[in-house]
PDB file of N, CA and C in Angstrom:
ATOM      1  N   MET A   1      18.501  75.015  46.123  1.00  0.00           N
ATOM      2  CA  MET A   1      17.139  74.916  45.962  1.00  0.00           C
ATOM      3  C   MET A   1      16.669  76.432  45.462  1.00  0.00           C
ATOM      4  N   ALA A   2      15.567  76.100  44.580  1.00  0.00           N
ATOM      5  CA  ALA A   2      14.807  77.131  43.999  1.00  0.00           C
ATOM      6  C   ALA A   2      13.962  78.098  44.958  1.00  0.00           C
ATOM      7  N   LYS A   3      14.010  79.547  44.599  1.00  0.00           N
ATOM      8  CA  LYS A   3      13.247  80.235  45.508  1.00  0.00           C
ATOM      9  C   LYS A   3      11.846  80.491  44.684  1.00  0.00           C
ATOM     10  N   VAL A   4      10.969  80.681  45.662  1.00  0.00           N
ATOM     11  CA  VAL A   4       9.469  81.200  45.140  1.00  0.00           C
ATOM     12  C   VAL A   4       9.066  82.358  45.731  1.00  0.00           C
ATOM     13  N   LYS A   5       8.264  83.010  44.982  1.00  0.00           N
ATOM     14  CA  LYS A   5       7.674  84.132  45.695  1.00  0.00           C
ATOM     15  C   LYS A   5       6.128  83.781  45.621  1.00  0.00           C
ATOM     16  N   ILE A   6       5.383  83.944  46.941  1.00  0.00           N
ATOM     17  CA  ILE A   6       4.302  83.566  47.141  1.00  0.00           C
ATOM     18  C   ILE A   6       3.427  84.723  47.427  1.00  0.00           C
ATOM     19  N   THR A   7       2.210  85.045  46.853  1.00  0.00           N
ATOM     20  CA  THR A   7       1.546  86.320  47.132  1.00  0.00           C
ATOM     21  C   THR A   7       0.068  85.890  47.271  1.00  0.00           C
ATOM     22  N   GLN A   8      -0.527  86.456  48.390  1.00  0.00           N
ATOM     23  CA  GLN A   8      -2.085  86.039  48.710  1.00  0.00           C
ATOM     24  C   GLN A   8      -2.877  87.016  47.715  1.00  0.00           C
ATOM     25  N   VAL A   9      -3.697  86.275  46.852  1.00  0.00           N
ATOM     26  CA  VAL A   9      -4.704  87.307  45.935  1.00  0.00           C
ATOM     27  C   VAL A   9      -6.075  86.827  46.223  1.00  0.00           C
ATOM     28  N   LYS A  10      -6.558  86.099  46.971  1.00  0.00           N
ATOM     29  CA  LYS A  10      -7.843  85.871  47.411  1.00  0.00           C
ATOM     30  C   LYS A  10      -7.925  85.905  48.841  1.00  0.00           C
ATOM     31  N   SER A  11      -9.153  86.254  49.463  1.00  0.00           N
ATOM     32  CA  SER A  11      -9.235  86.342  50.661  1.00  0.00           C
ATOM     33  C   SER A  11      -9.360  85.054  51.487  1.00  0.00           C
ATOM     34  N   LYS A  12      -8.898  84.889  52.702  1.00  0.00           N
ATOM     35  CA  LYS A  12      -9.081  83.665  53.414  1.00  0.00           C
ATOM     36  C   LYS A  12     -10.333  83.534  54.242  1.00  0.00           C
ATOM     37  N   ASN A  13     -11.208  84.477  54.030  1.00  0.00           N
ATOM     38  CA  ASN A  13     -12.608  84.315  54.575  1.00  0.00           C
ATOM     39  C   ASN A  13     -13.402  83.058  53.963  1.00  0.00           C
ATOM     40  N   GLY A  14     -13.908  82.206  54.639  1.00  0.00           N
ATOM     41  CA  GLY A  14     -14.445  81.125  53.984  1.00  0.00           C
ATOM     42  C   GLY A  14     -13.523  79.874  53.894  1.00  0.00           C
ATOM     43  N   ALA A  15     -12.250  80.150  54.299  1.00  0.00           N
ATOM     44  CA  ALA A  15     -11.173  79.098  54.096  1.00  0.00           C
ATOM     45  C   ALA A  15     -11.340  78.133  55.258  1.00  0.00           C
ATOM     46  N   THR A  16     -10.905  76.997  55.324  1.00  0.00           N
ATOM     47  CA  THR A  16     -10.969  76.148  56.492  1.00  0.00           C
ATOM     48  C   THR A  16      -9.705  76.488  57.401  1.00  0.00           C
ATOM     49  N   LYS A  17     -10.058  75.972  58.542  1.00  0.00           N
ATOM     50  CA  LYS A  17      -8.877  76.092  59.594  1.00  0.00           C
ATOM     51  C   LYS A  17      -7.608  75.463  58.866  1.00  0.00           C
ATOM     52  N   ARG A  18      -7.484  74.649  58.430  1.00  0.00           N
ATOM     53  CA  ARG A  18      -6.201  73.983  58.010  1.00  0.00           C
ATOM     54  C   ARG A  18      -5.704  74.808  56.894  1.00  0.00           C
ATOM     55  N   GLN A  19      -6.523  75.438  56.031  1.00  0.00           N
ATOM     56  CA  GLN A  19      -5.913  76.348  55.139  1.00  0.00           C
ATOM     57  C   GLN A  19      -5.450  77.572  55.647  1.00  0.00           C
ATOM     58  N   ARG A  20      -6.117  78.105  56.551  1.00  0.00           N
ATOM     59  CA  ARG A  20      -5.668  79.488  57.432  1.00  0.00           C
ATOM     60  C   ARG A  20      -4.381  79.232  57.986  1.00  0.00           C
ATOM     61  N   ALA A  21      -4.287  78.153  58.675  1.00  0.00           N
ATOM     62  CA  ALA A  21      -2.956  77.587  59.284  1.00  0.00           C
ATOM     63  C   ALA A  21      -1.776  77.427  58.332  1.00  0.00           C
ATOM     64  N   ASN A  22      -1.984  77.036  57.040  1.00  0.00           N
ATOM     65  CA  ASN A  22      -1.023  76.844  56.167  1.00  0.00           C
ATOM     66  C   ASN A  22      -0.486  78.380  55.699  1.00  0.00           C
ATOM     67  N   LEU A  23      -1.523  79.062  55.462  1.00  0.00           N
ATOM     68  CA  LEU A  23      -1.183  80.617  55.152  1.00  0.00           C
ATOM     69  C   LEU A  23      -0.056  81.083  56.358  1.00  0.00           C
ATOM     70  N   GLU A  24      -0.588  80.759  57.524  1.00  0.00           N
ATOM     71  CA  GLU A  24       0.209  81.491  58.556  1.00  0.00           C
ATOM     72  C   GLU A  24       1.517  81.110  58.651  1.00  0.00           C
ATOM     73  N   THR A  25       1.473  79.560  58.399  1.00  0.00           N
ATOM     74  CA  THR A  25       2.983  78.938  58.532  1.00  0.00           C
ATOM     75  C   THR A  25       3.778  79.274  57.177  1.00  0.00           C
ATOM     76  N   LEU A  26       3.214  79.583  56.206  1.00  0.00           N
ATOM     77  CA  LEU A  26       3.915  80.244  55.100  1.00  0.00           C
ATOM     78  C   LEU A  26       4.473  81.691  55.365  1.00  0.00           C
ATOM     79  N   GLY A  27       3.867  82.323  56.367  1.00  0.00           N
ATOM     80  CA  GLY A  27       4.174  83.586  56.457  1.00  0.00           C
ATOM     81  C   GLY A  27       3.274  84.591  56.009  1.00  0.00           C
ATOM     82  N   ILE A  28       2.195  84.519  55.292  1.00  0.00           N
ATOM     83  CA  ILE A  28       1.385  85.246  54.535  1.00  0.00           C
ATOM     84  C   ILE A  28       0.285  85.790  55.604  1.00  0.00           C
ATOM     85  N   ARG A  29       0.324  87.197  55.827  1.00  0.00           N
ATOM     86  CA  ARG A  29      -0.497  87.998  56.875  1.00  0.00           C
ATOM     87  C   ARG A  29      -1.683  88.427  56.219  1.00  0.00           C
ATOM     88  N   ARG A  30      -1.758  88.888  55.305  1.00  0.00           N
ATOM     89  CA  ARG A  30      -2.756  89.762  54.712  1.00  0.00           C
ATOM     90  C   ARG A  30      -2.998  89.523  53.224  1.00  0.00           C
ATOM     91  N   MET A  31      -3.795  90.132  52.435  1.00  0.00           N
ATOM     92  CA  MET A  31      -4.163  90.310  51.024  1.00  0.00           C
ATOM     93  C   MET A  31      -2.932  90.977  50.509  1.00  0.00           C
ATOM     94  N   HIS A  32      -2.647  90.506  49.235  1.00  0.00           N
ATOM     95  CA  HIS A  32      -1.362  91.148  48.610  1.00  0.00           C
ATOM     96  C   HIS A  32      -0.093  91.178  49.367  1.00  0.00           C
ATOM     97  N   HIS A  33       0.260  90.201  50.435  1.00  0.00           N
ATOM     98  CA  HIS A  33       1.218  90.118  51.116  1.00  0.00           C
ATOM     99  C   HIS A  33       2.112  89.084  50.510  1.00  0.00           C
ATOM    100  N   SER A  34       3.332  89.492  50.104  1.00  0.00           N
ATOM    101  CA  SER A  34       4.293  88.528  49.429  1.00  0.00           C
ATOM    102  C   SER A  34       5.478  87.973  50.507  1.00  0.00           C
ATOM    103  N   VAL A  35       5.771  86.686  50.278  1.00  0.00           N
ATOM    104  CA  VAL A  35       6.946  86.414  50.975  1.00  0.00           C
ATOM    105  C   VAL A  35       7.822  85.359  50.067  1.00  0.00           C
ATOM    106  N   GLU A  36       9.125  85.347  50.073  1.00  0.00           N
ATOM    107  CA  GLU A  36       9.927  84.611  49.316  1.00  0.00           C
ATOM    108  C   GLU A  36      10.662  83.474  50.274  1.00  0.00           C
ATOM    109  N   LEU A  37      10.445  82.312  49.696  1.00  0.00           N
ATOM    110  CA  LEU A  37      10.904  81.192  50.690  1.00  0.00           C
ATOM    111  C   LEU A  37      11.600  80.192  49.502  1.00  0.00           C
ATOM    112  N   GLU A  38      12.283  79.370  50.311  1.00  0.00           N
ATOM    113  CA  GLU A  38      13.038  78.162  49.214  1.00  0.00           C
ATOM    114  C   GLU A  38      12.039  77.195  49.138  1.00  0.00           C
ATOM    115  N   LEU A  39      12.148  76.429  48.002  1.00  0.00           N
ATOM    116  CA  LEU A  39      11.090  75.592  47.711  1.00  0.00           C
ATOM    117  C   LEU A  39      11.331  74.250  48.270  1.00  0.00           C
ATOM    118  N   THR A  40      11.265  73.763  49.184  1.00  0.00           N
ATOM    119  CA  THR A  40      11.285  72.530  49.969  1.00  0.00           C
ATOM    120  C   THR A  40      10.094  71.741  49.621  1.00  0.00           C
ATOM    121  N   PRO A  41      10.273  70.292  49.918  1.00  0.00           N
ATOM    122  CA  PRO A  41       8.984  69.542  49.498  1.00  0.00           C
ATOM    123  C   PRO A  41       7.997  69.841  50.694  1.00  0.00           C
ATOM    124  N   SER A  42       8.134  70.286  51.956  1.00  0.00           N
ATOM    125  CA  SER A  42       7.133  70.683  52.810  1.00  0.00           C
ATOM    126  C   SER A  42       6.447  72.021  52.501  1.00  0.00           C
ATOM    127  N   ILE A  43       7.245  73.017  51.896  1.00  0.00           N
ATOM    128  CA  ILE A  43       6.754  74.092  51.631  1.00  0.00           C
ATOM    129  C   ILE A  43       5.793  74.037  50.386  1.00  0.00           C
ATOM    130  N   ALA A  44       6.222  73.132  49.516  1.00  0.00           N
ATOM    131  CA  ALA A  44       5.520  72.752  48.082  1.00  0.00           C
ATOM    132  C   ALA A  44       4.093  72.150  48.609  1.00  0.00           C
ATOM    133  N   GLY A  45       4.012  71.529  49.696  1.00  0.00           N
ATOM    134  CA  GLY A  45       2.824  70.726  49.974  1.00  0.00           C
ATOM    135  C   GLY A  45       1.993  71.675  50.629  1.00  0.00           C
ATOM    136  N   LYS A  46       2.442  72.863  51.254  1.00  0.00           N
ATOM    137  CA  LYS A  46       1.698  73.790  51.893  1.00  0.00           C
ATOM    138  C   LYS A  46       0.869  74.709  50.763  1.00  0.00           C
ATOM    139  N   ILE A  47       1.760  75.123  50.051  1.00  0.00           N
ATOM    140  CA  ILE A  47       1.308  75.802  48.744  1.00  0.00           C
ATOM    141  C   ILE A  47       0.175  75.212  48.026  1.00  0.00           C
ATOM    142  N   GLU A  48       0.451  73.854  47.711  1.00  0.00           N
ATOM    143  CA  GLU A  48      -0.568  73.037  47.084  1.00  0.00           C
ATOM    144  C   GLU A  48      -1.855  73.159  47.821  1.00  0.00           C
ATOM    145  N   LYS A  49      -1.787  73.127  49.253  1.00  0.00           N
ATOM    146  CA  LYS A  49      -3.036  73.102  49.885  1.00  0.00           C
ATOM    147  C   LYS A  49      -4.044  74.426  49.883  1.00  0.00           C
ATOM    148  N   VAL A  50      -3.176  75.552  49.561  1.00  0.00           N
ATOM    149  CA  VAL A  50      -3.814  76.866  49.313  1.00  0.00           C
ATOM    150  C   VAL A  50      -3.732  77.634  47.964  1.00  0.00           C
ATOM    151  N   ARG A  51      -3.425  76.561  46.877  1.00  0.00           N
ATOM    152  CA  ARG A  51      -3.065  76.924  45.618  1.00  0.00           C
ATOM    153  C   ARG A  51      -4.302  77.986  45.061  1.00  0.00           C
ATOM    154  N   HIS A  52      -5.518  77.812  45.449  1.00  0.00           N
ATOM    155  CA  HIS A  52      -6.715  78.656  44.998  1.00  0.00           C
ATOM    156  C   HIS A  52      -6.553  79.840  45.648  1.00  0.00           C
ATOM    157  N   LEU A  53      -5.732  80.274  46.612  1.00  0.00           N
ATOM    158  CA  LEU A  53      -5.569  81.467  47.271  1.00  0.00           C
ATOM    159  C   LEU A  53      -4.639  82.295  47.000  1.00  0.00           C
ATOM    160  N   VAL A  54      -3.402  81.822  46.567  1.00  0.00           N
ATOM    161  CA  VAL A  54      -2.343  82.538  46.133  1.00  0.00           C
ATOM    162  C   VAL A  54      -1.752  82.232  44.732  1.00  0.00           C
ATOM    163  N   THR A  55      -0.802  83.240  44.361  1.00  0.00           N
ATOM    164  CA  THR A  55       0.194  82.754  43.076  1.00  0.00           C
ATOM    165  C   THR A  55       1.440  82.535  43.650  1.00  0.00           C
ATOM    166  N   VAL A  56       1.898  81.933  42.742  1.00  0.00           N
ATOM    167  CA  VAL A  56       3.393  81.423  43.069  1.00  0.00           C
ATOM    168  C   VAL A  56       4.199  81.754  41.880  1.00  0.00           C
ATOM    169  N   GLU A  57       5.335  82.300  41.971  1.00  0.00           N
ATOM    170  CA  GLU A  57       6.375  82.656  40.695  1.00  0.00           C
ATOM    171  C   GLU A  57       7.680  82.240  41.232  1.00  0.00           C
ATOM    172  N   GLU A  58       8.358  81.708  40.415  1.00  0.00           N
ATOM    173  CA  GLU A  58       9.836  81.348  40.754  1.00  0.00           C
ATOM    174  C   GLU A  58      10.740  82.601  40.500  1.00  0.00           C
ATOM    175  N   ILE A  59      11.739  82.526  41.579  1.00  0.00           N
ATOM    176  CA  ILE A  59      12.649  83.712  41.331  1.00  0.00           C
ATOM    177  C   ILE A  59      13.997  83.150  40.854  1.00  0.00           C
TER     178      ILE A  59
END
């Protein structure tokens, strides 16, 4: 599977509880924090819900 690097670029202040939970389950803790994950269908769905808060680049 493909790996992706996910970086939070916008603040989660003002985000809904569900969006905050998605960031937490992705492993993102703070601004400019990056994680590398395998791109599975569940991860892709979580990324899509917080697309406006993160940048995604393929590795």
